[in-house]
Amino acid sequence: MTEKLIPDKTIDCVGLYCPQPLYLTRSTIETLNSGEILEVIADDPAAEEDIKRFIKRTGHKLLKFEKSDDILKFYIKKT
């Protein structure tokens, strides 16, 4: 059974295009405490690469990534 991820904060970036989803992800994660989970929902195809690269560069942890139809969901744990 997979663990249900319950985000501490969710941002909806649907309808926003580069660089807005990345900017909102970066600015929102700064407001979280270490260990908290941010859920990012986006539909910009560039967001997948941009946000994954941001997570890797900053050392946060991508707990889960979902892609269904045109919707991307990222669950990022602040480290």
N, C-alpha and C. Protein backbone atom coordinates (compact mmCIF):
# COMPACT_ATOMS: atom_id res chain seq x y z
N MET A 1 0.85 -1.19 0.00
CA MET A 1 0.00 0.00 0.00
C MET A 1 0.88 1.25 0.00
N THR A 2 0.58 2.17 -0.89
CA THR A 2 1.39 3.38 -0.94
C THR A 2 0.92 4.38 0.11
N GLU A 3 1.89 5.07 0.65
CA GLU A 3 1.61 6.06 1.68
C GLU A 3 0.94 7.27 1.05
N LYS A 4 -0.11 7.77 1.70
CA LYS A 4 -0.81 8.95 1.21
C LYS A 4 -0.03 10.18 1.63
N LEU A 5 0.33 10.98 0.64
CA LEU A 5 1.07 12.20 0.94
C LEU A 5 0.10 13.33 1.23
N ILE A 6 0.27 13.94 2.38
CA ILE A 6 -0.59 15.07 2.75
C ILE A 6 0.28 16.32 2.79
N PRO A 7 0.12 17.18 1.77
CA PRO A 7 0.96 18.37 1.73
C PRO A 7 0.60 19.38 2.81
N ASP A 8 1.62 20.10 3.26
CA ASP A 8 1.40 21.18 4.21
C ASP A 8 0.89 22.42 3.49
N LYS A 9 1.25 22.52 2.21
CA LYS A 9 0.82 23.66 1.40
C LYS A 9 0.70 23.20 -0.05
N THR A 10 -0.27 23.74 -0.77
CA THR A 10 -0.47 23.44 -2.19
C THR A 10 -0.49 24.73 -2.97
N ILE A 11 0.21 24.73 -4.11
CA ILE A 11 0.09 25.87 -5.02
C ILE A 11 -0.41 25.37 -6.37
N ASP A 12 -1.36 26.10 -6.92
CA ASP A 12 -1.98 25.75 -8.20
C ASP A 12 -1.41 26.67 -9.27
N CYS A 13 -0.59 26.11 -10.15
CA CYS A 13 0.05 26.88 -11.22
C CYS A 13 -0.58 26.57 -12.57
N VAL A 14 -1.75 25.95 -12.57
CA VAL A 14 -2.42 25.61 -13.83
C VAL A 14 -2.75 26.91 -14.57
N GLY A 15 -2.37 26.94 -15.84
CA GLY A 15 -2.62 28.14 -16.64
C GLY A 15 -1.46 29.12 -16.63
N LEU A 16 -0.46 28.86 -15.79
CA LEU A 16 0.72 29.74 -15.73
C LEU A 16 1.84 29.11 -16.53
N TYR A 17 2.65 29.95 -17.14
CA TYR A 17 3.73 29.45 -17.97
C TYR A 17 5.07 29.97 -17.51
N CYS A 18 6.11 29.28 -17.93
CA CYS A 18 7.49 29.58 -17.57
C CYS A 18 7.75 31.08 -17.64
N PRO A 19 8.32 31.65 -16.60
CA PRO A 19 8.94 31.01 -15.43
C PRO A 19 8.05 31.02 -14.19
N GLN A 20 6.76 31.34 -14.32
CA GLN A 20 5.91 31.50 -13.14
C GLN A 20 5.82 30.27 -12.24
N PRO A 21 5.59 29.04 -12.77
CA PRO A 21 5.52 27.89 -11.85
C PRO A 21 6.80 27.70 -11.04
N LEU A 22 7.95 27.88 -11.67
CA LEU A 22 9.22 27.75 -10.96
C LEU A 22 9.37 28.85 -9.91
N TYR A 23 9.05 30.07 -10.28
CA TYR A 23 9.15 31.20 -9.35
C TYR A 23 8.25 30.98 -8.13
N LEU A 24 7.01 30.56 -8.37
CA LEU A 24 6.08 30.34 -7.25
C LEU A 24 6.53 29.17 -6.37
N THR A 25 7.07 28.13 -7.00
CA THR A 25 7.59 26.99 -6.23
C THR A 25 8.72 27.44 -5.33
N ARG A 26 9.67 28.18 -5.91
CA ARG A 26 10.83 28.65 -5.16
C ARG A 26 10.40 29.57 -4.00
N SER A 27 9.54 30.54 -4.28
CA SER A 27 9.15 31.48 -3.23
C SER A 27 8.29 30.82 -2.16
N THR A 28 7.47 29.84 -2.54
CA THR A 28 6.61 29.18 -1.54
C THR A 28 7.41 28.24 -0.66
N ILE A 29 8.35 27.51 -1.23
CA ILE A 29 9.12 26.55 -0.42
C ILE A 29 9.95 27.28 0.64
N GLU A 30 10.32 28.52 0.36
CA GLU A 30 11.06 29.32 1.34
C GLU A 30 10.23 29.61 2.58
N THR A 31 8.89 29.59 2.46
CA THR A 31 8.02 29.89 3.60
C THR A 31 7.76 28.67 4.47
N LEU A 32 8.15 27.47 3.98
CA LEU A 32 7.90 26.23 4.73
C LEU A 32 9.02 25.95 5.72
N ASN A 33 8.71 25.17 6.73
CA ASN A 33 9.71 24.68 7.66
C ASN A 33 10.33 23.41 7.09
N SER A 34 11.53 23.10 7.51
CA SER A 34 12.20 21.88 7.08
C SER A 34 11.33 20.67 7.41
N GLY A 35 11.19 19.77 6.44
CA GLY A 35 10.38 18.56 6.65
C GLY A 35 8.96 18.70 6.15
N GLU A 36 8.51 19.92 5.87
CA GLU A 36 7.14 20.10 5.38
C GLU A 36 7.08 19.79 3.89
N ILE A 37 5.88 19.48 3.42
CA ILE A 37 5.68 19.05 2.04
C ILE A 37 4.88 20.09 1.26
N LEU A 38 5.40 20.42 0.09
CA LEU A 38 4.74 21.34 -0.83
C LEU A 38 4.22 20.54 -2.02
N GLU A 39 2.95 20.73 -2.33
CA GLU A 39 2.37 20.13 -3.53
C GLU A 39 2.26 21.23 -4.58
N VAL A 40 2.80 20.96 -5.77
CA VAL A 40 2.73 21.90 -6.88
C VAL A 40 1.94 21.25 -8.00
N ILE A 41 0.91 21.94 -8.47
CA ILE A 41 0.09 21.45 -9.57
C ILE A 41 0.30 22.41 -10.74
N ALA A 42 0.70 21.86 -11.89
CA ALA A 42 0.99 22.70 -13.05
C ALA A 42 0.57 22.00 -14.33
N ASP A 43 0.45 22.79 -15.40
CA ASP A 43 0.15 22.19 -16.71
C ASP A 43 1.10 22.70 -17.80
N ASP A 44 2.10 23.46 -17.41
CA ASP A 44 3.11 23.91 -18.37
C ASP A 44 4.12 22.79 -18.57
N PRO A 45 4.27 22.28 -19.80
CA PRO A 45 5.21 21.18 -20.03
C PRO A 45 6.64 21.50 -19.56
N ALA A 46 7.04 22.75 -19.63
CA ALA A 46 8.39 23.14 -19.19
C ALA A 46 8.56 23.01 -17.69
N ALA A 47 7.47 23.01 -16.95
CA ALA A 47 7.55 22.95 -15.48
C ALA A 47 8.17 21.64 -15.00
N GLU A 48 7.94 20.55 -15.73
CA GLU A 48 8.49 19.26 -15.30
C GLU A 48 10.01 19.34 -15.19
N GLU A 49 10.65 19.79 -16.24
CA GLU A 49 12.11 19.90 -16.25
C GLU A 49 12.60 20.99 -15.28
N ASP A 50 11.94 22.15 -15.32
CA ASP A 50 12.37 23.28 -14.49
C ASP A 50 12.31 22.97 -13.00
N ILE A 51 11.19 22.41 -12.57
CA ILE A 51 11.01 22.15 -11.14
C ILE A 51 11.89 21.00 -10.67
N LYS A 52 12.01 19.95 -11.50
CA LYS A 52 12.90 18.85 -11.12
C LYS A 52 14.34 19.34 -11.00
N ARG A 53 14.77 20.19 -11.90
CA ARG A 53 16.13 20.74 -11.85
C ARG A 53 16.31 21.61 -10.60
N PHE A 54 15.30 22.42 -10.28
CA PHE A 54 15.35 23.26 -9.09
C PHE A 54 15.49 22.42 -7.83
N ILE A 55 14.71 21.33 -7.73
CA ILE A 55 14.75 20.45 -6.55
C ILE A 55 16.15 19.85 -6.39
N LYS A 56 16.70 19.36 -7.49
CA LYS A 56 18.03 18.75 -7.45
C LYS A 56 19.10 19.77 -7.04
N ARG A 57 19.00 20.95 -7.62
CA ARG A 57 20.00 21.99 -7.36
C ARG A 57 19.96 22.47 -5.91
N THR A 58 18.77 22.55 -5.32
CA THR A 58 18.62 23.10 -3.98
C THR A 58 18.68 22.04 -2.89
N GLY A 59 18.67 20.74 -3.28
CA GLY A 59 18.80 19.68 -2.28
C GLY A 59 17.51 19.27 -1.61
N HIS A 60 16.37 19.81 -2.06
CA HIS A 60 15.10 19.35 -1.51
C HIS A 60 14.82 17.96 -2.07
N LYS A 61 13.77 17.31 -1.58
CA LYS A 61 13.51 15.93 -1.98
C LYS A 61 12.18 15.83 -2.72
N LEU A 62 12.22 15.25 -3.92
CA LEU A 62 11.00 14.99 -4.66
C LEU A 62 10.44 13.66 -4.16
N LEU A 63 9.35 13.74 -3.40
CA LEU A 63 8.76 12.54 -2.83
C LEU A 63 7.95 11.77 -3.86
N LYS A 64 7.28 12.52 -4.74
CA LYS A 64 6.41 11.88 -5.71
C LYS A 64 6.17 12.85 -6.86
N PHE A 65 6.11 12.29 -8.06
CA PHE A 65 5.77 13.07 -9.25
C PHE A 65 4.69 12.31 -9.99
N GLU A 66 3.60 12.98 -10.32
CA GLU A 66 2.50 12.37 -11.05
C GLU A 66 2.24 13.17 -12.31
N LYS A 67 1.93 12.45 -13.38
CA LYS A 67 1.58 13.10 -14.64
C LYS A 67 0.36 12.40 -15.18
N SER A 68 -0.76 13.12 -15.26
CA SER A 68 -1.96 12.53 -15.85
C SER A 68 -2.57 13.56 -16.79
N ASP A 69 -2.81 13.13 -18.00
CA ASP A 69 -3.23 14.03 -19.07
C ASP A 69 -2.21 15.16 -19.16
N ASP A 70 -2.64 16.39 -18.97
CA ASP A 70 -1.72 17.52 -19.06
C ASP A 70 -1.34 18.05 -17.68
N ILE A 71 -1.78 17.39 -16.63
CA ILE A 71 -1.55 17.90 -15.27
C ILE A 71 -0.33 17.24 -14.64
N LEU A 72 0.55 18.07 -14.13
CA LEU A 72 1.75 17.61 -13.42
C LEU A 72 1.56 17.90 -11.94
N LYS A 73 1.91 16.93 -11.10
CA LYS A 73 1.86 17.14 -9.64
C LYS A 73 3.20 16.76 -9.06
N PHE A 74 3.74 17.66 -8.27
CA PHE A 74 5.01 17.45 -7.60
C PHE A 74 4.75 17.48 -6.09
N TYR A 75 5.35 16.56 -5.37
CA TYR A 75 5.31 16.57 -3.90
C TYR A 75 6.75 16.73 -3.45
N ILE A 76 7.05 17.91 -2.92
CA ILE A 76 8.43 18.27 -2.59
C ILE A 76 8.57 18.43 -1.08
N LYS A 77 9.54 17.71 -0.52
CA LYS A 77 9.82 17.83 0.90
C LYS A 77 10.96 18.81 1.09
N LYS A 78 10.72 19.85 1.88
CA LYS A 78 11.76 20.82 2.14
C LYS A 78 12.81 20.20 3.06
N THR A 79 14.09 20.33 2.67
CA THR A 79 15.16 19.78 3.50
C THR A 79 15.93 20.88 4.19
